[in-house]
PDB file of N, CA and C in Angstrom:
ATOM      1  N   UNK A   1     105.673 -66.202 108.754  1.00  0.00           N
ATOM      2  CA  UNK A   1     105.684 -66.693 107.354  1.00  0.00           C
ATOM      3  C   UNK A   1     106.741 -65.928 106.563  1.00  0.00           C
ATOM      4  N   UNK A   2     107.282 -66.649 105.604  1.00  0.00           N
ATOM      5  CA  UNK A   2     108.311 -66.097 104.701  1.00  0.00           C
ATOM      6  C   UNK A   2     107.705 -65.813 103.331  1.00  0.00           C
ATOM      7  N   UNK A   3     107.960 -64.653 102.803  1.00  0.00           N
ATOM      8  CA  UNK A   3     107.512 -64.294 101.445  1.00  0.00           C
ATOM      9  C   UNK A   3     108.694 -64.507 100.543  1.00  0.00           C
ATOM     10  N   UNK A   4     108.458 -65.250  99.408  1.00  0.00           N
ATOM     11  CA  UNK A   4     109.560 -65.584  98.528  1.00  0.00           C
ATOM     12  C   UNK A   4     109.149 -65.349  97.068  1.00  0.00           C
ATOM     13  N   UNK A   5     110.041 -64.686  96.321  1.00  0.00           N
ATOM     14  CA  UNK A   5     109.816 -64.501  94.902  1.00  0.00           C
ATOM     15  C   UNK A   5     110.151 -65.818  94.178  1.00  0.00           C
ATOM     16  N   UNK A   6     109.244 -66.253  93.295  1.00  0.00           N
ATOM     17  CA  UNK A   6     109.463 -67.514  92.583  1.00  0.00           C
ATOM     18  C   UNK A   6     109.379 -67.425  91.087  1.00  0.00           C
ATOM     19  N   UNK A   7     109.202 -66.238  90.545  1.00  0.00           N
ATOM     20  CA  UNK A   7     109.173 -66.097  89.084  1.00  0.00           C
ATOM     21  C   UNK A   7     108.374 -64.881  88.675  1.00  0.00           C
ATOM     22  N   UNK A   8     108.100 -64.805  87.381  1.00  0.00           N
ATOM     23  CA  UNK A   8     107.346 -63.711  86.837  1.00  0.00           C
ATOM     24  C   UNK A   8     106.099 -64.222  86.130  1.00  0.00           C
ATOM     25  N   UNK A   9     105.066 -63.396  86.114  1.00  0.00           N
ATOM     26  CA  UNK A   9     103.785 -63.777  85.483  1.00  0.00           C
ATOM     27  C   UNK A   9     104.051 -64.024  83.998  1.00  0.00           C
ATOM     28  N   UNK A  10     104.893 -63.238  83.358  1.00  0.00           N
ATOM     29  CA  UNK A  10     105.169 -63.336  81.963  1.00  0.00           C
ATOM     30  C   UNK A  10     105.685 -64.714  81.561  1.00  0.00           C
ATOM     31  N   UNK A  11     106.418 -65.388  82.441  1.00  0.00           N
ATOM     32  CA  UNK A  11     107.022 -66.692  82.142  1.00  0.00           C
ATOM     33  C   UNK A  11     106.142 -67.869  82.495  1.00  0.00           C
ATOM     34  N   UNK A  12     104.898 -67.588  82.874  1.00  0.00           N
ATOM     35  CA  UNK A  12     103.988 -68.646  83.276  1.00  0.00           C
ATOM     36  C   UNK A  12     102.854 -68.724  82.244  1.00  0.00           C
ATOM     37  N   UNK A  13     102.809 -69.836  81.534  1.00  0.00           N
ATOM     38  CA  UNK A  13     101.791 -70.021  80.484  1.00  0.00           C
ATOM     39  C   UNK A  13     100.431 -70.289  81.082  1.00  0.00           C
ATOM     40  N   UNK A  14      99.389 -69.865  80.387  1.00  0.00           N
ATOM     41  CA  UNK A  14      98.031 -70.121  80.850  1.00  0.00           C
ATOM     42  C   UNK A  14      97.705 -71.627  80.712  1.00  0.00           C
ATOM     43  N   UNK A  15      97.043 -72.136  81.778  1.00  0.00           N
ATOM     44  CA  UNK A  15      96.500 -73.485  81.803  1.00  0.00           C
ATOM     45  C   UNK A  15      97.552 -74.606  81.658  1.00  0.00           C
ATOM     46  N   UNK A  16      98.823 -74.271  81.890  1.00  0.00           N
ATOM     47  CA  UNK A  16      99.896 -75.241  81.898  1.00  0.00           C
ATOM     48  C   UNK A  16     100.607 -75.144  83.235  1.00  0.00           C
ATOM     49  N   UNK A  17     100.896 -76.261  83.837  1.00  0.00           N
ATOM     50  CA  UNK A  17     101.608 -76.215  85.114  1.00  0.00           C
ATOM     51  C   UNK A  17     103.089 -75.982  84.918  1.00  0.00           C
ATOM     52  N   UNK A  18     103.691 -75.444  85.958  1.00  0.00           N
ATOM     53  CA  UNK A  18     105.143 -75.227  85.951  1.00  0.00           C
ATOM     54  C   UNK A  18     105.670 -75.672  87.317  1.00  0.00           C
ATOM     55  N   UNK A  19     106.706 -76.481  87.327  1.00  0.00           N
ATOM     56  CA  UNK A  19     107.340 -76.924  88.565  1.00  0.00           C
ATOM     57  C   UNK A  19     108.418 -75.915  88.988  1.00  0.00           C
ATOM     58  N   UNK A  20     108.352 -75.516  90.241  1.00  0.00           N
ATOM     59  CA  UNK A  20     109.315 -74.587  90.821  1.00  0.00           C
ATOM     60  C   UNK A  20     109.904 -75.212  92.074  1.00  0.00           C
ATOM     61  N   UNK A  21     111.213 -75.278  92.174  1.00  0.00           N
ATOM     62  CA  UNK A  21     111.884 -75.783  93.364  1.00  0.00           C
ATOM     63  C   UNK A  21     112.142 -74.671  94.322  1.00  0.00           C
ATOM     64  N   UNK A  22     111.769 -74.900  95.574  1.00  0.00           N
ATOM     65  CA  UNK A  22     112.041 -73.972  96.662  1.00  0.00           C
ATOM     66  C   UNK A  22     112.705 -74.749  97.777  1.00  0.00           C
ATOM     67  N   UNK A  23     114.029 -74.661  97.846  1.00  0.00           N
ATOM     68  CA  UNK A  23     114.755 -75.468  98.804  1.00  0.00           C
ATOM     69  C   UNK A  23     114.530 -76.938  98.477  1.00  0.00           C
ATOM     70  N   UNK A  24     114.034 -77.719  99.436  1.00  0.00           N
ATOM     71  CA  UNK A  24     113.762 -79.147  99.224  1.00  0.00           C
ATOM     72  C   UNK A  24     112.358 -79.388  98.645  1.00  0.00           C
ATOM     73  N   UNK A  25     111.530 -78.369  98.592  1.00  0.00           N
ATOM     74  CA  UNK A  25     110.161 -78.507  98.094  1.00  0.00           C
ATOM     75  C   UNK A  25     110.039 -78.299  96.605  1.00  0.00           C
ATOM     76  N   UNK A  26     109.033 -78.974  96.049  1.00  0.00           N
ATOM     77  CA  UNK A  26     108.633 -78.708  94.667  1.00  0.00           C
ATOM     78  C   UNK A  26     107.211 -78.212  94.675  1.00  0.00           C
ATOM     79  N   UNK A  27     106.998 -77.084  94.019  1.00  0.00           N
ATOM     80  CA  UNK A  27     105.680 -76.499  93.899  1.00  0.00           C
ATOM     81  C   UNK A  27     105.202 -76.574  92.475  1.00  0.00           C
ATOM     82  N   UNK A  28     103.892 -76.701  92.304  1.00  0.00           N
ATOM     83  CA  UNK A  28     103.295 -76.655  90.979  1.00  0.00           C
ATOM     84  C   UNK A  28     102.561 -75.298  90.883  1.00  0.00           C
ATOM     85  N   UNK A  29     102.913 -74.486  89.898  1.00  0.00           N
ATOM     86  CA  UNK A  29     102.268 -73.222  89.696  1.00  0.00           C
ATOM     87  C   UNK A  29     101.312 -73.359  88.521  1.00  0.00           C
ATOM     88  N   UNK A  30     100.157 -72.695  88.675  1.00  0.00           N
ATOM     89  CA  UNK A  30      99.166 -72.718  87.599  1.00  0.00           C
ATOM     90  C   UNK A  30      98.621 -71.328  87.388  1.00  0.00           C
ATOM     91  N   UNK A  31      98.549 -70.919  86.149  1.00  0.00           N
ATOM     92  CA  UNK A  31      97.911 -69.634  85.757  1.00  0.00           C
ATOM     93  C   UNK A  31      96.632 -69.990  84.995  1.00  0.00           C
ATOM     94  N   UNK A  32      95.506 -69.665  85.580  1.00  0.00           N
ATOM     95  CA  UNK A  32      94.238 -69.953  84.948  1.00  0.00           C
ATOM     96  C   UNK A  32      93.952 -68.975  83.816  1.00  0.00           C
ATOM     97  N   UNK A  33      92.994 -69.277  82.989  1.00  0.00           N
ATOM     98  CA  UNK A  33      92.688 -68.438  81.834  1.00  0.00           C
ATOM     99  C   UNK A  33      92.217 -67.082  82.226  1.00  0.00           C
ATOM    100  N   UNK A  34      91.703 -66.874  83.435  1.00  0.00           N
ATOM    101  CA  UNK A  34      91.291 -65.554  83.903  1.00  0.00           C
ATOM    102  C   UNK A  34      92.434 -64.765  84.540  1.00  0.00           C
ATOM    103  N   UNK A  35      93.668 -65.346  84.506  1.00  0.00           N
ATOM    104  CA  UNK A  35      94.842 -64.639  85.058  1.00  0.00           C
ATOM    105  C   UNK A  35      95.197 -64.968  86.470  1.00  0.00           C
ATOM    106  N   UNK A  36      94.312 -65.612  87.235  1.00  0.00           N
ATOM    107  CA  UNK A  36      94.637 -65.967  88.610  1.00  0.00           C
ATOM    108  C   UNK A  36      95.738 -67.022  88.630  1.00  0.00           C
ATOM    109  N   UNK A  37      96.599 -66.919  89.648  1.00  0.00           N
ATOM    110  CA  UNK A  37      97.734 -67.824  89.769  1.00  0.00           C
ATOM    111  C   UNK A  37      97.646 -68.521  91.125  1.00  0.00           C
ATOM    112  N   UNK A  38      97.902 -69.864  91.098  1.00  0.00           N
ATOM    113  CA  UNK A  38      97.839 -70.657  92.288  1.00  0.00           C
ATOM    114  C   UNK A  38      99.121 -71.490  92.420  1.00  0.00           C
ATOM    115  N   UNK A  39      99.475 -71.785  93.647  1.00  0.00           N
ATOM    116  CA  UNK A  39     100.671 -72.637  93.934  1.00  0.00           C
ATOM    117  C   UNK A  39     100.231 -73.724  94.867  1.00  0.00           C
ATOM    118  N   UNK A  40     100.633 -74.958  94.550  1.00  0.00           N
ATOM    119  CA  UNK A  40     100.357 -76.082  95.441  1.00  0.00           C
ATOM    120  C   UNK A  40     101.519 -77.056  95.398  1.00  0.00           C
ATOM    121  N   UNK A  41     101.516 -77.906  96.392  1.00  0.00           N
ATOM    122  CA  UNK A  41     102.514 -78.984  96.485  1.00  0.00           C
ATOM    123  C   UNK A  41     102.488 -79.775  95.172  1.00  0.00           C
ATOM    124  N   UNK A  42     103.623 -80.049  94.611  1.00  0.00           N
ATOM    125  CA  UNK A  42     103.711 -80.735  93.330  1.00  0.00           C
ATOM    126  C   UNK A  42     103.705 -82.271  93.487  1.00  0.00           C
ATOM    127  N   UNK A  43     102.759 -82.763  94.244  1.00  0.00           N
ATOM    128  CA  UNK A  43     102.741 -84.199  94.504  1.00  0.00           C
ATOM    129  C   UNK A  43     101.313 -84.655  94.798  1.00  0.00           C
ATOM    130  N   UNK A  44     100.798 -85.503  93.970  1.00  0.00           N
ATOM    131  CA  UNK A  44      99.456 -86.059  94.166  1.00  0.00           C
ATOM    132  C   UNK A  44      99.468 -86.913  95.440  1.00  0.00           C
ATOM    133  N   UNK A  45      98.447 -86.813  96.278  1.00  0.00           N
ATOM    134  CA  UNK A  45      98.447 -87.621  97.525  1.00  0.00           C
ATOM    135  C   UNK A  45      98.213 -89.126  97.249  1.00  0.00           C
ATOM    136  N   UNK A  46      97.843 -89.502  96.069  1.00  0.00           N
ATOM    137  CA  UNK A  46      97.572 -90.901  95.759  1.00  0.00           C
ATOM    138  C   UNK A  46      98.850 -91.662  95.589  1.00  0.00           C
ATOM    139  N   UNK A  47      99.614 -91.358  94.533  1.00  0.00           N
ATOM    140  CA  UNK A  47     100.850 -92.098  94.245  1.00  0.00           C
ATOM    141  C   UNK A  47     102.053 -91.174  93.968  1.00  0.00           C
ATOM    142  N   UNK A  48     101.898 -89.894  94.338  1.00  0.00           N
ATOM    143  CA  UNK A  48     103.025 -88.960  94.190  1.00  0.00           C
ATOM    144  C   UNK A  48     103.218 -88.431  92.786  1.00  0.00           C
ATOM    145  N   UNK A  49     102.165 -88.433  91.976  1.00  0.00           N
ATOM    146  CA  UNK A  49     102.273 -87.955  90.631  1.00  0.00           C
ATOM    147  C   UNK A  49     102.661 -86.468  90.546  1.00  0.00           C
ATOM    148  N   UNK A  50     103.384 -86.066  89.544  1.00  0.00           N
ATOM    149  CA  UNK A  50     103.876 -84.715  89.303  1.00  0.00           C
ATOM    150  C   UNK A  50     102.709 -83.851  88.783  1.00  0.00           C
ATOM    151  N   UNK A  51     102.047 -83.089  89.685  1.00  0.00           N
ATOM    152  CA  UNK A  51     100.883 -82.353  89.318  1.00  0.00           C
ATOM    153  C   UNK A  51     101.147 -81.252  88.271  1.00  0.00           C
ATOM    154  N   UNK A  52     102.384 -80.742  88.222  1.00  0.00           N
ATOM    155  CA  UNK A  52     102.707 -79.702  87.232  1.00  0.00           C
ATOM    156  C   UNK A  52     102.603 -80.252  85.809  1.00  0.00           C
ATOM    157  N   UNK A  53     102.595 -81.574  85.663  1.00  0.00           N
ATOM    158  CA  UNK A  53     102.490 -82.235  84.360  1.00  0.00           C
ATOM    159  C   UNK A  53     101.023 -82.604  84.036  1.00  0.00           C
ATOM    160  N   UNK A  54     100.108 -82.328  84.983  1.00  0.00           N
ATOM    161  CA  UNK A  54      98.737 -82.712  84.798  1.00  0.00           C
ATOM    162  C   UNK A  54      97.985 -81.798  83.837  1.00  0.00           C
ATOM    163  N   UNK A  55      96.781 -82.257  83.455  1.00  0.00           N
ATOM    164  CA  UNK A  55      95.894 -81.483  82.557  1.00  0.00           C
ATOM    165  C   UNK A  55      95.054 -80.549  83.394  1.00  0.00           C
ATOM    166  N   UNK A  56      94.996 -79.273  83.034  1.00  0.00           N
ATOM    167  CA  UNK A  56      94.190 -78.286  83.738  1.00  0.00           C
ATOM    168  C   UNK A  56      92.866 -78.102  82.990  1.00  0.00           C
ATOM    169  N   UNK A  57      91.781 -78.154  83.811  1.00  0.00           N
ATOM    170  CA  UNK A  57      90.453 -77.938  83.270  1.00  0.00           C
ATOM    171  C   UNK A  57      89.717 -77.044  84.300  1.00  0.00           C
ATOM    172  N   UNK A  58      89.407 -75.869  83.908  1.00  0.00           N
ATOM    173  CA  UNK A  58      88.777 -74.911  84.836  1.00  0.00           C
ATOM    174  C   UNK A  58      89.681 -74.649  86.009  1.00  0.00           C
ATOM    175  N   UNK A  59      89.158 -74.925  87.205  1.00  0.00           N
ATOM    176  CA  UNK A  59      89.945 -74.712  88.426  1.00  0.00           C
ATOM    177  C   UNK A  59      90.462 -76.023  89.001  1.00  0.00           C
ATOM    178  N   UNK A  60      90.661 -77.006  88.148  1.00  0.00           N
ATOM    179  CA  UNK A  60      91.134 -78.323  88.577  1.00  0.00           C
ATOM    180  C   UNK A  60      92.309 -78.793  87.751  1.00  0.00           C
ATOM    181  N   UNK A  61      93.168 -79.634  88.377  1.00  0.00           N
ATOM    182  CA  UNK A  61      94.245 -80.281  87.667  1.00  0.00           C
ATOM    183  C   UNK A  61      94.017 -81.763  87.834  1.00  0.00           C
ATOM    184  N   UNK A  62      94.250 -82.531  86.766  1.00  0.00           N
ATOM    185  CA  UNK A  62      94.094 -83.961  86.777  1.00  0.00           C
ATOM    186  C   UNK A  62      95.486 -84.587  86.839  1.00  0.00           C
ATOM    187  N   UNK A  63      95.733 -85.393  87.873  1.00  0.00           N
ATOM    188  CA  UNK A  63      97.015 -86.053  88.037  1.00  0.00           C
ATOM    189  C   UNK A  63      97.339 -86.890  86.820  1.00  0.00           C
ATOM    190  N   UNK A  64      98.582 -86.745  86.280  1.00  0.00           N
ATOM    191  CA  UNK A  64      98.935 -87.477  85.093  1.00  0.00           C
ATOM    192  C   UNK A  64      99.094 -88.994  85.309  1.00  0.00           C
ATOM    193  N   UNK A  65      99.199 -89.457  86.523  1.00  0.00           N
ATOM    194  CA  UNK A  65      99.352 -90.907  86.748  1.00  0.00           C
ATOM    195  C   UNK A  65      98.052 -91.646  86.736  1.00  0.00           C
ATOM    196  N   UNK A  66      97.065 -91.176  87.530  1.00  0.00           N
ATOM    197  CA  UNK A  66      95.811 -91.925  87.655  1.00  0.00           C
ATOM    198  C   UNK A  66      94.575 -91.070  87.530  1.00  0.00           C
ATOM    199  N   UNK A  67      94.729 -89.846  87.003  1.00  0.00           N
ATOM    200  CA  UNK A  67      93.617 -88.966  86.689  1.00  0.00           C
ATOM    201  C   UNK A  67      92.804 -88.473  87.897  1.00  0.00           C
ATOM    202  N   UNK A  68      93.410 -88.403  89.058  1.00  0.00           N
ATOM    203  CA  UNK A  68      92.694 -87.841  90.221  1.00  0.00           C
ATOM    204  C   UNK A  68      92.481 -86.365  89.926  1.00  0.00           C
ATOM    205  N   UNK A  69      91.293 -85.882  90.266  1.00  0.00           N
ATOM    206  CA  UNK A  69      90.871 -84.494  90.046  1.00  0.00           C
ATOM    207  C   UNK A  69      91.117 -83.720  91.358  1.00  0.00           C
ATOM    208  N   UNK A  70      91.954 -82.677  91.252  1.00  0.00           N
ATOM    209  CA  UNK A  70      92.349 -81.911  92.443  1.00  0.00           C
ATOM    210  C   UNK A  70      92.079 -80.425  92.197  1.00  0.00           C
ATOM    211  N   UNK A  71      91.438 -79.792  93.174  1.00  0.00           N
ATOM    212  CA  UNK A  71      91.181 -78.344  93.083  1.00  0.00           C
ATOM    213  C   UNK A  71      92.461 -77.569  93.191  1.00  0.00           C
ATOM    214  N   UNK A  72      92.700 -76.706  92.230  1.00  0.00           N
ATOM    215  CA  UNK A  72      93.881 -75.840  92.240  1.00  0.00           C
ATOM    216  C   UNK A  72      93.730 -74.771  93.325  1.00  0.00           C
ATOM    217  N   UNK A  73      92.478 -74.402  93.628  1.00  0.00           N
ATOM    218  CA  UNK A  73      92.188 -73.345  94.605  1.00  0.00           C
ATOM    219  C   UNK A  73      92.475 -73.765  96.046  1.00  0.00           C
ATOM    220  N   UNK A  74      91.992 -74.958  96.438  1.00  0.00           N
ATOM    221  CA  UNK A  74      92.109 -75.346  97.845  1.00  0.00           C
ATOM    222  C   UNK A  74      92.862 -76.661  98.080  1.00  0.00           C
ATOM    223  N   UNK A  75      93.265 -77.326  97.002  1.00  0.00           N
ATOM    224  CA  UNK A  75      94.070 -78.559  97.114  1.00  0.00           C
ATOM    225  C   UNK A  75      93.270 -79.797  97.425  1.00  0.00           C
ATOM    226  N   UNK A  76      91.938 -79.696  97.497  1.00  0.00           N
ATOM    227  CA  UNK A  76      91.143 -80.863  97.829  1.00  0.00           C
ATOM    228  C   UNK A  76      90.923 -81.814  96.646  1.00  0.00           C
ATOM    229  N   UNK A  77      91.123 -83.074  96.894  1.00  0.00           N
ATOM    230  CA  UNK A  77      90.842 -84.122  95.897  1.00  0.00           C
ATOM    231  C   UNK A  77      89.336 -84.263  95.819  1.00  0.00           C
ATOM    232  N   UNK A  78      88.840 -84.401  94.594  1.00  0.00           N
ATOM    233  CA  UNK A  78      87.402 -84.485  94.376  1.00  0.00           C
ATOM    234  C   UNK A  78      86.930 -85.915  94.460  1.00  0.00           C
ATOM    235  N   UNK A  79      85.674 -86.088  94.918  1.00  0.00           N
ATOM    236  CA  UNK A  79      85.070 -87.400  95.077  1.00  0.00           C
ATOM    237  C   UNK A  79      84.934 -88.072  93.694  1.00  0.00           C
ATOM    238  N   UNK A  80      85.056 -89.378  93.628  1.00  0.00           N
ATOM    239  CA  UNK A  80      84.983 -90.313  94.735  1.00  0.00           C
ATOM    240  C   UNK A  80      86.329 -90.550  95.443  1.00  0.00           C
ATOM    241  N   UNK A  81      87.390 -89.938  94.965  1.00  0.00           N
ATOM    242  CA  UNK A  81      88.686 -90.076  95.599  1.00  0.00           C
ATOM    243  C   UNK A  81      88.749 -89.117  96.808  1.00  0.00           C
ATOM    244  N   UNK A  82      89.756 -89.210  97.619  1.00  0.00           N
ATOM    245  CA  UNK A  82      89.862 -88.318  98.792  1.00  0.00           C
ATOM    246  C   UNK A  82      91.331 -88.037  99.110  1.00  0.00           C
ATOM    247  N   UNK A  83      91.530 -86.900  99.749  1.00  0.00           N
ATOM    248  CA  UNK A  83      92.871 -86.480 100.118  1.00  0.00           C
ATOM    249  C   UNK A  83      92.969 -84.982  99.913  1.00  0.00           C
ATOM    250  N   UNK A  84      94.185 -84.475 100.136  1.00  0.00           N
ATOM    251  CA  UNK A  84      94.413 -83.028 100.024  1.00  0.00           C
ATOM    252  C   UNK A  84      95.888 -82.761  99.714  1.00  0.00           C
ATOM    253  N   UNK A  85      96.110 -81.704  98.993  1.00  0.00           N
ATOM    254  CA  UNK A  85      97.468 -81.228  98.653  1.00  0.00           C
ATOM    255  C   UNK A  85      97.628 -79.858  99.310  1.00  0.00           C
ATOM    256  N   UNK A  86      98.786 -79.592  99.872  1.00  0.00           N
ATOM    257  CA  UNK A  86      99.011 -78.288 100.497  1.00  0.00           C
ATOM    258  C   UNK A  86      99.059 -77.197  99.452  1.00  0.00           C
ATOM    259  N   UNK A  87      98.392 -76.089  99.745  1.00  0.00           N
ATOM    260  CA  UNK A  87      98.366 -74.912  98.882  1.00  0.00           C
ATOM    261  C   UNK A  87      99.140 -73.774  99.544  1.00  0.00           C
ATOM    262  N   UNK A  88      99.580 -72.805  98.712  1.00  0.00           N
ATOM    263  CA  UNK A  88     100.344 -71.679  99.191  1.00  0.00           C
ATOM    264  C   UNK A  88      99.753 -70.391  98.668  1.00  0.00           C
ATOM    265  N   UNK A  89      99.688 -69.408  99.506  1.00  0.00           N
ATOM    266  CA  UNK A  89      99.168 -68.066  99.143  1.00  0.00           C
ATOM    267  C   UNK A  89     100.084 -67.443  98.099  1.00  0.00           C
ATOM    268  N   UNK A  90      99.485 -66.926  97.005  1.00  0.00           N
ATOM    269  CA  UNK A  90     100.236 -66.293  95.954  1.00  0.00           C
ATOM    270  C   UNK A  90      99.945 -64.788  95.941  1.00  0.00           C
ATOM    271  N   UNK A  91     100.972 -63.977  95.753  1.00  0.00           N
ATOM    272  CA  UNK A  91     100.790 -62.527  95.613  1.00  0.00           C
ATOM    273  C   UNK A  91     101.536 -62.114  94.330  1.00  0.00           C
ATOM    274  N   UNK A  92     100.915 -61.198  93.599  1.00  0.00           N
ATOM    275  CA  UNK A  92     101.540 -60.658  92.384  1.00  0.00           C
ATOM    276  C   UNK A  92     101.874 -59.183  92.632  1.00  0.00           C
ATOM    277  N   UNK A  93     103.102 -58.802  92.374  1.00  0.00           N
ATOM    278  CA  UNK A  93     103.522 -57.419  92.557  1.00  0.00           C
ATOM    279  C   UNK A  93     104.483 -57.045  91.439  1.00  0.00           C
ATOM    280  N   UNK A  94     104.084 -56.040  90.660  1.00  0.00           N
ATOM    281  CA  UNK A  94     104.903 -55.569  89.558  1.00  0.00           C
ATOM    282  C   UNK A  94     105.328 -56.714  88.619  1.00  0.00           C
ATOM    283  N   UNK A  95     104.414 -57.627  88.326  1.00  0.00           N
ATOM    284  CA  UNK A  95     104.657 -58.724  87.407  1.00  0.00           C
ATOM    285  C   UNK A  95     105.458 -59.875  88.013  1.00  0.00           C
ATOM    286  N   UNK A  96     105.805 -59.781  89.288  1.00  0.00           N
ATOM    287  CA  UNK A  96     106.557 -60.836  89.952  1.00  0.00           C
ATOM    288  C   UNK A  96     105.580 -61.683  90.797  1.00  0.00           C
ATOM    289  N   UNK A  97     105.887 -62.967  90.880  1.00  0.00           N
ATOM    290  CA  UNK A  97     105.060 -63.916  91.664  1.00  0.00           C
ATOM    291  C   UNK A  97     105.784 -64.201  92.986  1.00  0.00           C
ATOM    292  N   UNK A  98     105.046 -64.001  94.065  1.00  0.00           N
ATOM    293  CA  UNK A  98     105.546 -64.292  95.428  1.00  0.00           C
ATOM    294  C   UNK A  98     104.653 -65.321  96.065  1.00  0.00           C
ATOM    295  N   UNK A  99     105.213 -66.207  96.896  1.00  0.00           N
ATOM    296  CA  UNK A  99     104.398 -67.119  97.678  1.00  0.00           C
ATOM    297  C   UNK A  99     104.751 -66.940  99.141  1.00  0.00           C
ATOM    298  N   UNK A 100     103.775 -67.296  99.982  1.00  0.00           N
ATOM    299  CA  UNK A 100     103.964 -67.264 101.436  1.00  0.00           C
ATOM    300  C   UNK A 100     104.262 -68.705 101.912  1.00  0.00           C
ATOM    301  N   UNK A 101     105.395 -68.882 102.537  1.00  0.00           N
ATOM    302  CA  UNK A 101     105.781 -70.206 103.083  1.00  0.00           C
ATOM    303  C   UNK A 101     105.555 -70.218 104.562  1.00  0.00           C
TER     304      UNK A 101
END
């Protein structure tokens, strides 16, 4: 696995998604109100909606296209819909955000 720096905690707003490009990939970063940070594929499995533009509620993001509810923690789409989004391990070190690819 490759560890890659993708930004700083200071530049990541609470409860708002941020799109980060890593090579050909787009990741959606989320900083929850308790300070935890998660990274997931920036593409809803339904119609490819930009998850970084979705509404965050608790530990879920709602796709801006069709309101699918997706867990920020594990990438699982919530019932009655189904599917999954790839998630990435996040590490914080000296205020910098790193992901494992």
